[in-house]
Amino acid sequence: STLLFNFSAFSASHKEVGHSHEEITTNGISSGEITSNIININVNGMVCDFCAQSIEKVFMKRNEVKGINVNLEDQKVVIYLQEKTDIEDNTISSILEDAGYTVESINRST
């Protein structure tokens, strides 16, 4: 019960401050596996571990995604897709913009 309350309190305060934190984490969060089917996304608005974890969780639920790296310092998200799969740019933009972030560019390398 206390753990849930603390998470709820953090989540509420996170929204109230509009993603502004005095501490900015510089380490990216990595999950999954690296592949050669890569999408590099420049994103504005990611400032804390909560931001990175949210992005990681959403994309890792997709079947096409094999791995992800969220780098807060560089404001970059790298998605590693399953071979011979793809996610359209408008889908990526929608996911990130619906979460409150601004997509600056999407680049692919296969």
PDB file of N, CA and C in Angstrom:
ATOM      1  N   SER A   1       0.825  -1.200   0.000  1.00  0.00           N
ATOM      2  CA  SER A   1       0.000   0.000   0.000  1.00  0.00           C
ATOM      3  C   SER A   1       0.862   1.253   0.000  1.00  0.00           C
ATOM      4  N   THR A   2       1.894   1.274   0.817  1.00  0.00           N
ATOM      5  CA  THR A   2       2.777   2.433   0.864  1.00  0.00           C
ATOM      6  C   THR A   2       3.513   2.607  -0.464  1.00  0.00           C
ATOM      7  N   LEU A   3       3.965   1.519  -1.041  1.00  0.00           N
ATOM      8  CA  LEU A   3       4.674   1.593  -2.309  1.00  0.00           C
ATOM      9  C   LEU A   3       3.787   2.185  -3.393  1.00  0.00           C
ATOM     10  N   LEU A   4       2.541   1.742  -3.455  1.00  0.00           N
ATOM     11  CA  LEU A   4       1.598   2.270  -4.430  1.00  0.00           C
ATOM     12  C   LEU A   4       1.361   3.752  -4.188  1.00  0.00           C
ATOM     13  N   PHE A   5       1.231   4.134  -2.927  1.00  0.00           N
ATOM     14  CA  PHE A   5       1.019   5.543  -2.590  1.00  0.00           C
ATOM     15  C   PHE A   5       2.214   6.382  -3.023  1.00  0.00           C
ATOM     16  N   ASN A   6       3.426   5.898  -2.770  1.00  0.00           N
ATOM     17  CA  ASN A   6       4.614   6.650  -3.158  1.00  0.00           C
ATOM     18  C   ASN A   6       4.709   6.788  -4.670  1.00  0.00           C
ATOM     19  N   PHE A   7       4.409   5.728  -5.403  1.00  0.00           N
ATOM     20  CA  PHE A   7       4.439   5.804  -6.859  1.00  0.00           C
ATOM     21  C   PHE A   7       3.389   6.795  -7.359  1.00  0.00           C
ATOM     22  N   SER A   8       2.194   6.739  -6.775  1.00  0.00           N
ATOM     23  CA  SER A   8       1.142   7.667  -7.167  1.00  0.00           C
ATOM     24  C   SER A   8       1.541   9.101  -6.877  1.00  0.00           C
ATOM     25  N   ALA A   9       2.171   9.320  -5.749  1.00  0.00           N
ATOM     26  CA  ALA A   9       2.618  10.667  -5.402  1.00  0.00           C
ATOM     27  C   ALA A   9       3.669  11.146  -6.390  1.00  0.00           C
ATOM     28  N   PHE A  10       4.617  10.266  -6.764  1.00  0.00           N
ATOM     29  CA  PHE A  10       5.635  10.631  -7.733  1.00  0.00           C
ATOM     30  C   PHE A  10       5.011  10.935  -9.080  1.00  0.00           C
ATOM     31  N   SER A  11       4.088  10.073  -9.497  1.00  0.00           N
ATOM     32  CA  SER A  11       3.435  10.254 -10.784  1.00  0.00           C
ATOM     33  C   SER A  11       2.672  11.577 -10.838  1.00  0.00           C
ATOM     34  N   ALA A  12       1.963  11.904  -9.770  1.00  0.00           N
ATOM     35  CA  ALA A  12       1.202  13.156  -9.734  1.00  0.00           C
ATOM     36  C   ALA A  12       2.141  14.357  -9.755  1.00  0.00           C
ATOM     37  N   SER A  13       3.205  14.305  -8.955  1.00  0.00           N
ATOM     38  CA  SER A  13       4.122  15.444  -8.929  1.00  0.00           C
ATOM     39  C   SER A  13       4.857  15.572 -10.256  1.00  0.00           C
ATOM     40  N   HIS A  14       5.115  14.452 -10.920  1.00  0.00           N
ATOM     41  CA  HIS A  14       5.781  14.462 -12.214  1.00  0.00           C
ATOM     42  C   HIS A  14       4.956  15.249 -13.226  1.00  0.00           C
ATOM     43  N   LYS A  15       3.658  15.035 -13.224  1.00  0.00           N
ATOM     44  CA  LYS A  15       2.776  15.747 -14.147  1.00  0.00           C
ATOM     45  C   LYS A  15       2.655  17.222 -13.781  1.00  0.00           C
ATOM     46  N   GLU A  16       2.607  17.521 -12.482  1.00  0.00           N
ATOM     47  CA  GLU A  16       2.436  18.901 -12.034  1.00  0.00           C
ATOM     48  C   GLU A  16       3.601  19.788 -12.449  1.00  0.00           C
ATOM     49  N   VAL A  17       4.809  19.241 -12.452  1.00  0.00           N
ATOM     50  CA  VAL A  17       5.964  20.057 -12.783  1.00  0.00           C
ATOM     51  C   VAL A  17       6.235  20.119 -14.284  1.00  0.00           C
ATOM     52  N   GLY A  18       5.438  19.435 -15.051  1.00  0.00           N
ATOM     53  CA  GLY A  18       5.579  19.501 -16.504  1.00  0.00           C
ATOM     54  C   GLY A  18       6.907  18.969 -17.017  1.00  0.00           C
ATOM     55  N   HIS A  19       7.372  17.869 -16.470  1.00  0.00           N
ATOM     56  CA  HIS A  19       8.618  17.237 -16.882  1.00  0.00           C
ATOM     57  C   HIS A  19       9.843  18.089 -16.566  1.00  0.00           C
ATOM     58  N   SER A  20       9.777  18.961 -15.576  1.00  0.00           N
ATOM     59  CA  SER A  20      10.941  19.736 -15.165  1.00  0.00           C
ATOM     60  C   SER A  20      11.474  19.166 -13.869  1.00  0.00           C
ATOM     61  N   HIS A  21      12.723  18.804 -13.885  1.00  0.00           N
ATOM     62  CA  HIS A  21      13.367  18.269 -12.699  1.00  0.00           C
ATOM     63  C   HIS A  21      14.718  18.928 -12.552  1.00  0.00           C
ATOM     64  N   GLU A  22      15.159  19.125 -11.319  1.00  0.00           N
ATOM     65  CA  GLU A  22      16.483  19.686 -11.109  1.00  0.00           C
ATOM     66  C   GLU A  22      17.553  18.679 -11.498  1.00  0.00           C
ATOM     67  N   GLU A  23      17.293  17.405 -11.224  1.00  0.00           N
ATOM     68  CA  GLU A  23      18.247  16.371 -11.584  1.00  0.00           C
ATOM     69  C   GLU A  23      17.891  15.807 -12.954  1.00  0.00           C
ATOM     70  N   ILE A  24      18.849  15.803 -13.841  1.00  0.00           N
ATOM     71  CA  ILE A  24      18.643  15.204 -15.158  1.00  0.00           C
ATOM     72  C   ILE A  24      19.572  14.005 -15.251  1.00  0.00           C
ATOM     73  N   THR A  25      19.013  12.856 -15.528  1.00  0.00           N
ATOM     74  CA  THR A  25      19.803  11.647 -15.639  1.00  0.00           C
ATOM     75  C   THR A  25      20.498  11.627 -16.991  1.00  0.00           C
ATOM     76  N   THR A  26      21.773  11.277 -17.002  1.00  0.00           N
ATOM     77  CA  THR A  26      22.518  11.298 -18.261  1.00  0.00           C
ATOM     78  C   THR A  26      22.695   9.921 -18.859  1.00  0.00           C
ATOM     79  N   ASN A  27      22.384   8.868 -18.127  1.00  0.00           N
ATOM     80  CA  ASN A  27      22.556   7.521 -18.651  1.00  0.00           C
ATOM     81  C   ASN A  27      21.305   7.074 -19.384  1.00  0.00           C
ATOM     82  N   GLY A  28      21.490   6.452 -20.556  1.00  0.00           N
ATOM     83  CA  GLY A  28      20.351   5.910 -21.280  1.00  0.00           C
ATOM     84  C   GLY A  28      19.881   4.620 -20.631  1.00  0.00           C
ATOM     85  N   ILE A  29      18.650   4.280 -20.866  1.00  0.00           N
ATOM     86  CA  ILE A  29      18.102   3.021 -20.381  1.00  0.00           C
ATOM     87  C   ILE A  29      18.046   2.081 -21.569  1.00  0.00           C
ATOM     88  N   SER A  30      18.544   0.888 -21.410  1.00  0.00           N
ATOM     89  CA  SER A  30      18.559  -0.075 -22.503  1.00  0.00           C
ATOM     90  C   SER A  30      17.721  -1.288 -22.137  1.00  0.00           C
ATOM     91  N   SER A  31      17.077  -1.834 -23.137  1.00  0.00           N
ATOM     92  CA  SER A  31      16.275  -3.034 -22.933  1.00  0.00           C
ATOM     93  C   SER A  31      16.282  -3.840 -24.217  1.00  0.00           C
ATOM     94  N   GLY A  32      16.281  -5.149 -24.078  1.00  0.00           N
ATOM     95  CA  GLY A  32      16.193  -6.015 -25.250  1.00  0.00           C
ATOM     96  C   GLY A  32      17.533  -6.253 -25.910  1.00  0.00           C
ATOM     97  N   GLU A  33      17.478  -6.490 -27.228  1.00  0.00           N
ATOM     98  CA  GLU A  33      18.664  -6.855 -27.997  1.00  0.00           C
ATOM     99  C   GLU A  33      18.927  -5.850 -29.109  1.00  0.00           C
ATOM    100  N   ILE A  34      20.202  -5.741 -29.481  1.00  0.00           N
ATOM    101  CA  ILE A  34      20.602  -4.887 -30.594  1.00  0.00           C
ATOM    102  C   ILE A  34      20.478  -5.681 -31.887  1.00  0.00           C
ATOM    103  N   THR A  35      19.909  -5.051 -32.912  1.00  0.00           N
ATOM    104  CA  THR A  35      19.812  -5.654 -34.243  1.00  0.00           C
ATOM    105  C   THR A  35      20.387  -4.675 -35.259  1.00  0.00           C
ATOM    106  N   SER A  36      20.432  -5.069 -36.516  1.00  0.00           N
ATOM    107  CA  SER A  36      20.930  -4.171 -37.562  1.00  0.00           C
ATOM    108  C   SER A  36      19.810  -3.354 -38.194  1.00  0.00           C
ATOM    109  N   ASN A  37      18.570  -3.615 -37.836  1.00  0.00           N
ATOM    110  CA  ASN A  37      17.410  -2.875 -38.350  1.00  0.00           C
ATOM    111  C   ASN A  37      17.097  -1.780 -37.322  1.00  0.00           C
ATOM    112  N   ILE A  38      17.650  -0.574 -37.541  1.00  0.00           N
ATOM    113  CA  ILE A  38      17.680   0.472 -36.520  1.00  0.00           C
ATOM    114  C   ILE A  38      16.901   1.705 -36.947  1.00  0.00           C
ATOM    115  N   ILE A  39      16.156   2.269 -35.985  1.00  0.00           N
ATOM    116  CA  ILE A  39      15.510   3.561 -36.174  1.00  0.00           C
ATOM    117  C   ILE A  39      16.056   4.500 -35.102  1.00  0.00           C
ATOM    118  N   ASN A  40      16.630   5.629 -35.533  1.00  0.00           N
ATOM    119  CA  ASN A  40      17.147   6.660 -34.630  1.00  0.00           C
ATOM    120  C   ASN A  40      16.162   7.816 -34.604  1.00  0.00           C
ATOM    121  N   ILE A  41      15.744   8.213 -33.414  1.00  0.00           N
ATOM    122  CA  ILE A  41      14.752   9.280 -33.277  1.00  0.00           C
ATOM    123  C   ILE A  41      15.308  10.361 -32.365  1.00  0.00           C
ATOM    124  N   ASN A  42      15.272  11.603 -32.827  1.00  0.00           N
ATOM    125  CA  ASN A  42      15.617  12.747 -31.982  1.00  0.00           C
ATOM    126  C   ASN A  42      14.323  13.264 -31.383  1.00  0.00           C
ATOM    127  N   VAL A  43      14.276  13.318 -30.047  1.00  0.00           N
ATOM    128  CA  VAL A  43      13.052  13.654 -29.322  1.00  0.00           C
ATOM    129  C   VAL A  43      13.345  14.758 -28.322  1.00  0.00           C
ATOM    130  N   ASN A  44      12.475  15.750 -28.239  1.00  0.00           N
ATOM    131  CA  ASN A  44      12.597  16.791 -27.216  1.00  0.00           C
ATOM    132  C   ASN A  44      11.589  16.535 -26.104  1.00  0.00           C
ATOM    133  N   GLY A  45      11.986  16.853 -24.858  1.00  0.00           N
ATOM    134  CA  GLY A  45      11.069  16.773 -23.737  1.00  0.00           C
ATOM    135  C   GLY A  45      11.335  15.658 -22.755  1.00  0.00           C
ATOM    136  N   MET A  46      12.320  14.792 -23.053  1.00  0.00           N
ATOM    137  CA  MET A  46      12.641  13.704 -22.123  1.00  0.00           C
ATOM    138  C   MET A  46      13.649  14.235 -21.105  1.00  0.00           C
ATOM    139  N   VAL A  47      13.272  14.221 -19.821  1.00  0.00           N
ATOM    140  CA  VAL A  47      14.165  14.805 -18.820  1.00  0.00           C
ATOM    141  C   VAL A  47      14.459  13.911 -17.624  1.00  0.00           C
ATOM    142  N   CYS A  48      13.757  12.795 -17.484  1.00  0.00           N
ATOM    143  CA  CYS A  48      13.964  11.996 -16.281  1.00  0.00           C
ATOM    144  C   CYS A  48      13.819  10.505 -16.585  1.00  0.00           C
ATOM    145  N   ASP A  49      14.197   9.688 -15.606  1.00  0.00           N
ATOM    146  CA  ASP A  49      14.089   8.242 -15.771  1.00  0.00           C
ATOM    147  C   ASP A  49      12.654   7.799 -16.027  1.00  0.00           C
ATOM    148  N   PHE A  50      11.695   8.494 -15.424  1.00  0.00           N
ATOM    149  CA  PHE A  50      10.284   8.150 -15.644  1.00  0.00           C
ATOM    150  C   PHE A  50       9.930   8.305 -17.125  1.00  0.00           C
ATOM    151  N   CYS A  51      10.424   9.371 -17.759  1.00  0.00           N
ATOM    152  CA  CYS A  51      10.196   9.578 -19.194  1.00  0.00           C
ATOM    153  C   CYS A  51      10.770   8.406 -19.998  1.00  0.00           C
ATOM    154  N   ALA A  52      12.020   8.069 -19.700  1.00  0.00           N
ATOM    155  CA  ALA A  52      12.696   7.005 -20.431  1.00  0.00           C
ATOM    156  C   ALA A  52      12.003   5.661 -20.237  1.00  0.00           C
ATOM    157  N   GLN A  53      11.625   5.356 -19.012  1.00  0.00           N
ATOM    158  CA  GLN A  53      10.961   4.083 -18.728  1.00  0.00           C
ATOM    159  C   GLN A  53       9.614   3.981 -19.440  1.00  0.00           C
ATOM    160  N   SER A  54       8.897   5.090 -19.508  1.00  0.00           N
ATOM    161  CA  SER A  54       7.597   5.092 -20.189  1.00  0.00           C
ATOM    162  C   SER A  54       7.757   4.805 -21.676  1.00  0.00           C
ATOM    163  N   ILE A  55       8.724   5.447 -22.298  1.00  0.00           N
ATOM    164  CA  ILE A  55       8.975   5.236 -23.724  1.00  0.00           C
ATOM    165  C   ILE A  55       9.413   3.796 -23.969  1.00  0.00           C
ATOM    166  N   GLU A  56      10.318   3.318 -23.138  1.00  0.00           N
ATOM    167  CA  GLU A  56      10.802   1.942 -23.272  1.00  0.00           C
ATOM    168  C   GLU A  56       9.648   0.950 -23.164  1.00  0.00           C
ATOM    169  N   LYS A  57       8.793   1.138 -22.196  1.00  0.00           N
ATOM    170  CA  LYS A  57       7.682   0.206 -21.959  1.00  0.00           C
ATOM    171  C   LYS A  57       6.726   0.158 -23.156  1.00  0.00           C
ATOM    172  N   VAL A  58       6.383   1.319 -23.701  1.00  0.00           N
ATOM    173  CA  VAL A  58       5.440   1.376 -24.827  1.00  0.00           C
ATOM    174  C   VAL A  58       6.008   0.669 -26.053  1.00  0.00           C
ATOM    175  N   PHE A  59       7.258   0.971 -26.393  1.00  0.00           N
ATOM    176  CA  PHE A  59       7.823   0.383 -27.609  1.00  0.00           C
ATOM    177  C   PHE A  59       8.153  -1.101 -27.450  1.00  0.00           C
ATOM    178  N   MET A  60       8.572  -1.527 -26.261  1.00  0.00           N
ATOM    179  CA  MET A  60       8.923  -2.941 -26.064  1.00  0.00           C
ATOM    180  C   MET A  60       7.698  -3.852 -26.125  1.00  0.00           C
ATOM    181  N   LYS A  61       6.495  -3.297 -26.020  1.00  0.00           N
ATOM    182  CA  LYS A  61       5.276  -4.096 -26.154  1.00  0.00           C
ATOM    183  C   LYS A  61       4.966  -4.433 -27.609  1.00  0.00           C
ATOM    184  N   ARG A  62       5.592  -3.719 -28.540  1.00  0.00           N
ATOM    185  CA  ARG A  62       5.325  -3.935 -29.957  1.00  0.00           C
ATOM    186  C   ARG A  62       6.100  -5.154 -30.458  1.00  0.00           C
ATOM    187  N   ASN A  63       5.452  -5.968 -31.274  1.00  0.00           N
ATOM    188  CA  ASN A  63       6.082  -7.183 -31.805  1.00  0.00           C
ATOM    189  C   ASN A  63       7.303  -6.894 -32.669  1.00  0.00           C
ATOM    190  N   GLU A  64       7.303  -5.756 -33.365  1.00  0.00           N
ATOM    191  CA  GLU A  64       8.407  -5.427 -34.268  1.00  0.00           C
ATOM    192  C   GLU A  64       9.690  -5.086 -33.518  1.00  0.00           C
ATOM    193  N   VAL A  65       9.562  -4.663 -32.257  1.00  0.00           N
ATOM    194  CA  VAL A  65      10.699  -4.137 -31.504  1.00  0.00           C
ATOM    195  C   VAL A  65      11.433  -5.257 -30.772  1.00  0.00           C
ATOM    196  N   LYS A  66      12.731  -5.317 -31.027  1.00  0.00           N
ATOM    197  CA  LYS A  66      13.596  -6.308 -30.389  1.00  0.00           C
ATOM    198  C   LYS A  66      14.373  -5.680 -29.219  1.00  0.00           C
ATOM    199  N   GLY A  67      14.632  -4.349 -29.315  1.00  0.00           N
ATOM    200  CA  GLY A  67      15.365  -3.654 -28.268  1.00  0.00           C
ATOM    201  C   GLY A  67      15.201  -2.153 -28.393  1.00  0.00           C
ATOM    202  N   ILE A  68      15.581  -1.426 -27.333  1.00  0.00           N
ATOM    203  CA  ILE A  68      15.465   0.031 -27.346  1.00  0.00           C
ATOM    204  C   ILE A  68      16.516   0.625 -26.426  1.00  0.00           C
ATOM    205  N   ASN A  69      16.999   1.805 -26.787  1.00  0.00           N
ATOM    206  CA  ASN A  69      17.898   2.572 -25.941  1.00  0.00           C
ATOM    207  C   ASN A  69      17.369   3.995 -25.899  1.00  0.00           C
ATOM    208  N   VAL A  70      17.135   4.502 -24.695  1.00  0.00           N
ATOM    209  CA  VAL A  70      16.675   5.875 -24.513  1.00  0.00           C
ATOM    210  C   VAL A  70      17.805   6.649 -23.854  1.00  0.00           C
ATOM    211  N   ASN A  71      18.308   7.674 -24.541  1.00  0.00           N
ATOM    212  CA  ASN A  71      19.406   8.479 -24.028  1.00  0.00           C
ATOM    213  C   ASN A  71      18.881   9.868 -23.689  1.00  0.00           C
ATOM    214  N   LEU A  72      18.745  10.140 -22.393  1.00  0.00           N
ATOM    215  CA  LEU A  72      18.189  11.416 -21.948  1.00  0.00           C
ATOM    216  C   LEU A  72      19.119  12.586 -22.249  1.00  0.00           C
ATOM    217  N   GLU A  73      20.411  12.382 -22.074  1.00  0.00           N
ATOM    218  CA  GLU A  73      21.375  13.463 -22.283  1.00  0.00           C
ATOM    219  C   GLU A  73      21.349  13.966 -23.724  1.00  0.00           C
ATOM    220  N   ASP A  74      21.312  13.024 -24.674  1.00  0.00           N
ATOM    221  CA  ASP A  74      21.327  13.384 -26.096  1.00  0.00           C
ATOM    222  C   ASP A  74      19.941  13.557 -26.693  1.00  0.00           C
ATOM    223  N   GLN A  75      18.885  13.278 -25.891  1.00  0.00           N
ATOM    224  CA  GLN A  75      17.504  13.375 -26.371  1.00  0.00           C
ATOM    225  C   GLN A  75      17.282  12.479 -27.585  1.00  0.00           C
ATOM    226  N   LYS A  76      17.777  11.230 -27.494  1.00  0.00           N
ATOM    227  CA  LYS A  76      17.651  10.280 -28.598  1.00  0.00           C
ATOM    228  C   LYS A  76      17.011   8.981 -28.126  1.00  0.00           C
ATOM    229  N   VAL A  77      16.230   8.402 -29.020  1.00  0.00           N
ATOM    230  CA  VAL A  77      15.666   7.073 -28.808  1.00  0.00           C
ATOM    231  C   VAL A  77      16.128   6.229 -29.985  1.00  0.00           C
ATOM    232  N   VAL A  78      16.735   5.081 -29.689  1.00  0.00           N
ATOM    233  CA  VAL A  78      17.164   4.155 -30.735  1.00  0.00           C
ATOM    234  C   VAL A  78      16.331   2.891 -30.580  1.00  0.00           C
ATOM    235  N   ILE A  79      15.617   2.554 -31.642  1.00  0.00           N
ATOM    236  CA  ILE A  79      14.783   1.355 -31.643  1.00  0.00           C
ATOM    237  C   ILE A  79      15.435   0.318 -32.537  1.00  0.00           C
ATOM    238  N   TYR A  80      15.598  -0.889 -31.995  1.00  0.00           N
ATOM    239  CA  TYR A  80      16.160  -2.017 -32.741  1.00  0.00           C
ATOM    240  C   TYR A  80      15.007  -2.944 -33.100  1.00  0.00           C
ATOM    241  N   LEU A  81      14.706  -3.015 -34.406  1.00  0.00           N
ATOM    242  CA  LEU A  81      13.570  -3.805 -34.875  1.00  0.00           C
ATOM    243  C   LEU A  81      13.976  -5.235 -35.219  1.00  0.00           C
ATOM    244  N   GLN A  82      12.980  -6.123 -35.188  1.00  0.00           N
ATOM    245  CA  GLN A  82      13.156  -7.467 -35.721  1.00  0.00           C
ATOM    246  C   GLN A  82      13.575  -7.316 -37.182  1.00  0.00           C
ATOM    247  N   GLU A  83      14.352  -8.245 -37.681  1.00  0.00           N
ATOM    248  CA  GLU A  83      14.749  -8.201 -39.092  1.00  0.00           C
ATOM    249  C   GLU A  83      13.499  -8.276 -39.981  1.00  0.00           C
ATOM    250  N   LYS A  84      13.528  -7.537 -41.073  1.00  0.00           N
ATOM    251  CA  LYS A  84      12.454  -7.520 -42.067  1.00  0.00           C
ATOM    252  C   LYS A  84      11.116  -7.044 -41.509  1.00  0.00           C
ATOM    253  N   THR A  85      11.147  -6.162 -40.504  1.00  0.00           N
ATOM    254  CA  THR A  85       9.927  -5.526 -39.999  1.00  0.00           C
ATOM    255  C   THR A  85      10.149  -4.017 -39.995  1.00  0.00           C
ATOM    256  N   ASP A  86       9.096  -3.276 -39.765  1.00  0.00           N
ATOM    257  CA  ASP A  86       9.193  -1.820 -39.758  1.00  0.00           C
ATOM    258  C   ASP A  86       8.058  -1.231 -38.929  1.00  0.00           C
ATOM    259  N   ILE A  87       8.245  -0.008 -38.475  1.00  0.00           N
ATOM    260  CA  ILE A  87       7.191   0.798 -37.860  1.00  0.00           C
ATOM    261  C   ILE A  87       7.180   2.110 -38.631  1.00  0.00           C
ATOM    262  N   GLU A  88       6.033   2.519 -39.108  1.00  0.00           N
ATOM    263  CA  GLU A  88       5.951   3.730 -39.913  1.00  0.00           C
ATOM    264  C   GLU A  88       6.251   4.975 -39.064  1.00  0.00           C
ATOM    265  N   ASP A  89       6.806   5.988 -39.734  1.00  0.00           N
ATOM    266  CA  ASP A  89       7.165   7.230 -39.048  1.00  0.00           C
ATOM    267  C   ASP A  89       5.971   7.855 -38.327  1.00  0.00           C
ATOM    268  N   ASN A  90       4.811   7.848 -38.978  1.00  0.00           N
ATOM    269  CA  ASN A  90       3.644   8.481 -38.346  1.00  0.00           C
ATOM    270  C   ASN A  90       3.211   7.728 -37.087  1.00  0.00           C
ATOM    271  N   THR A  91       3.425   6.422 -37.035  1.00  0.00           N
ATOM    272  CA  THR A  91       3.117   5.634 -35.839  1.00  0.00           C
ATOM    273  C   THR A  91       4.072   6.002 -34.706  1.00  0.00           C
ATOM    274  N   ILE A  92       5.361   6.086 -35.027  1.00  0.00           N
ATOM    275  CA  ILE A  92       6.366   6.473 -34.034  1.00  0.00           C
ATOM    276  C   ILE A  92       6.058   7.867 -33.505  1.00  0.00           C
ATOM    277  N   SER A  93       5.799   8.805 -34.411  1.00  0.00           N
ATOM    278  CA  SER A  93       5.492  10.178 -34.001  1.00  0.00           C
ATOM    279  C   SER A  93       4.255  10.236 -33.118  1.00  0.00           C
ATOM    280  N   SER A  94       3.215   9.498 -33.492  1.00  0.00           N
ATOM    281  CA  SER A  94       1.977   9.486 -32.702  1.00  0.00           C
ATOM    282  C   SER A  94       2.220   8.975 -31.282  1.00  0.00           C
ATOM    283  N   ILE A  95       2.962   7.880 -31.162  1.00  0.00           N
ATOM    284  CA  ILE A  95       3.237   7.307 -29.846  1.00  0.00           C
ATOM    285  C   ILE A  95       3.965   8.328 -28.969  1.00  0.00           C
ATOM    286  N   LEU A  96       5.005   8.952 -29.513  1.00  0.00           N
ATOM    287  CA  LEU A  96       5.801   9.888 -28.729  1.00  0.00           C
ATOM    288  C   LEU A  96       5.061  11.198 -28.458  1.00  0.00           C
ATOM    289  N   GLU A  97       4.354  11.710 -29.452  1.00  0.00           N
ATOM    290  CA  GLU A  97       3.625  12.970 -29.263  1.00  0.00           C
ATOM    291  C   GLU A  97       2.445  12.799 -28.321  1.00  0.00           C
ATOM    292  N   ASP A  98       1.782  11.637 -28.372  1.00  0.00           N
ATOM    293  CA  ASP A  98       0.688  11.368 -27.428  1.00  0.00           C
ATOM    294  C   ASP A  98       1.204  11.312 -25.990  1.00  0.00           C
ATOM    295  N   ALA A  99       2.474  10.948 -25.828  1.00  0.00           N
ATOM    296  CA  ALA A  99       3.091  10.887 -24.500  1.00  0.00           C
ATOM    297  C   ALA A  99       3.634  12.258 -24.062  1.00  0.00           C
ATOM    298  N   GLY A 100       3.537  13.258 -24.942  1.00  0.00           N
ATOM    299  CA  GLY A 100       3.941  14.607 -24.564  1.00  0.00           C
ATOM    300  C   GLY A 100       5.312  15.045 -25.040  1.00  0.00           C
ATOM    301  N   TYR A 101       5.920  14.300 -25.955  1.00  0.00           N
ATOM    302  CA  TYR A 101       7.242  14.639 -26.445  1.00  0.00           C
ATOM    303  C   TYR A 101       7.147  15.173 -27.878  1.00  0.00           C
ATOM    304  N   THR A 102       8.178  15.876 -28.325  1.00  0.00           N
ATOM    305  CA  THR A 102       8.233  16.420 -29.662  1.00  0.00           C
ATOM    306  C   THR A 102       9.274  15.645 -30.470  1.00  0.00           C
ATOM    307  N   VAL A 103       8.873  15.119 -31.616  1.00  0.00           N
ATOM    308  CA  VAL A 103       9.785  14.384 -32.486  1.00  0.00           C
ATOM    309  C   VAL A 103      10.442  15.380 -33.436  1.00  0.00           C
ATOM    310  N   GLU A 104      11.780  15.424 -33.391  1.00  0.00           N
ATOM    311  CA  GLU A 104      12.539  16.324 -34.264  1.00  0.00           C
ATOM    312  C   GLU A 104      12.887  15.645 -35.585  1.00  0.00           C
ATOM    313  N   SER A 105      13.318  14.382 -35.519  1.00  0.00           N
ATOM    314  CA  SER A 105      13.660  13.653 -36.749  1.00  0.00           C
ATOM    315  C   SER A 105      13.637  12.151 -36.496  1.00  0.00           C
ATOM    316  N   ILE A 106      13.420  11.417 -37.595  1.00  0.00           N
ATOM    317  CA  ILE A 106      13.438   9.951 -37.565  1.00  0.00           C
ATOM    318  C   ILE A 106      14.342   9.508 -38.707  1.00  0.00           C
ATOM    319  N   ASN A 107      15.383   8.743 -38.368  1.00  0.00           N
ATOM    320  CA  ASN A 107      16.341   8.254 -39.369  1.00  0.00           C
ATOM    321  C   ASN A 107      16.456   6.755 -39.251  1.00  0.00           C
ATOM    322  N   ARG A 108      16.629   6.107 -40.393  1.00  0.00           N
ATOM    323  CA  ARG A 108      16.696   4.637 -40.423  1.00  0.00           C
ATOM    324  C   ARG A 108      18.018   4.176 -40.995  1.00  0.00           C
ATOM    325  N   SER A 109      18.506   3.057 -40.449  1.00  0.00           N
ATOM    326  CA  SER A 109      19.676   2.393 -41.038  1.00  0.00           C
ATOM    327  C   SER A 109      19.441   0.894 -40.948  1.00  0.00           C
ATOM    328  N   THR A 110      19.557   0.221 -42.070  1.00  0.00           N
ATOM    329  CA  THR A 110      19.331  -1.226 -42.083  1.00  0.00           C
ATOM    330  C   THR A 110      20.542  -1.933 -42.631  1.00  0.00           C
TER     331      THR A 110
END
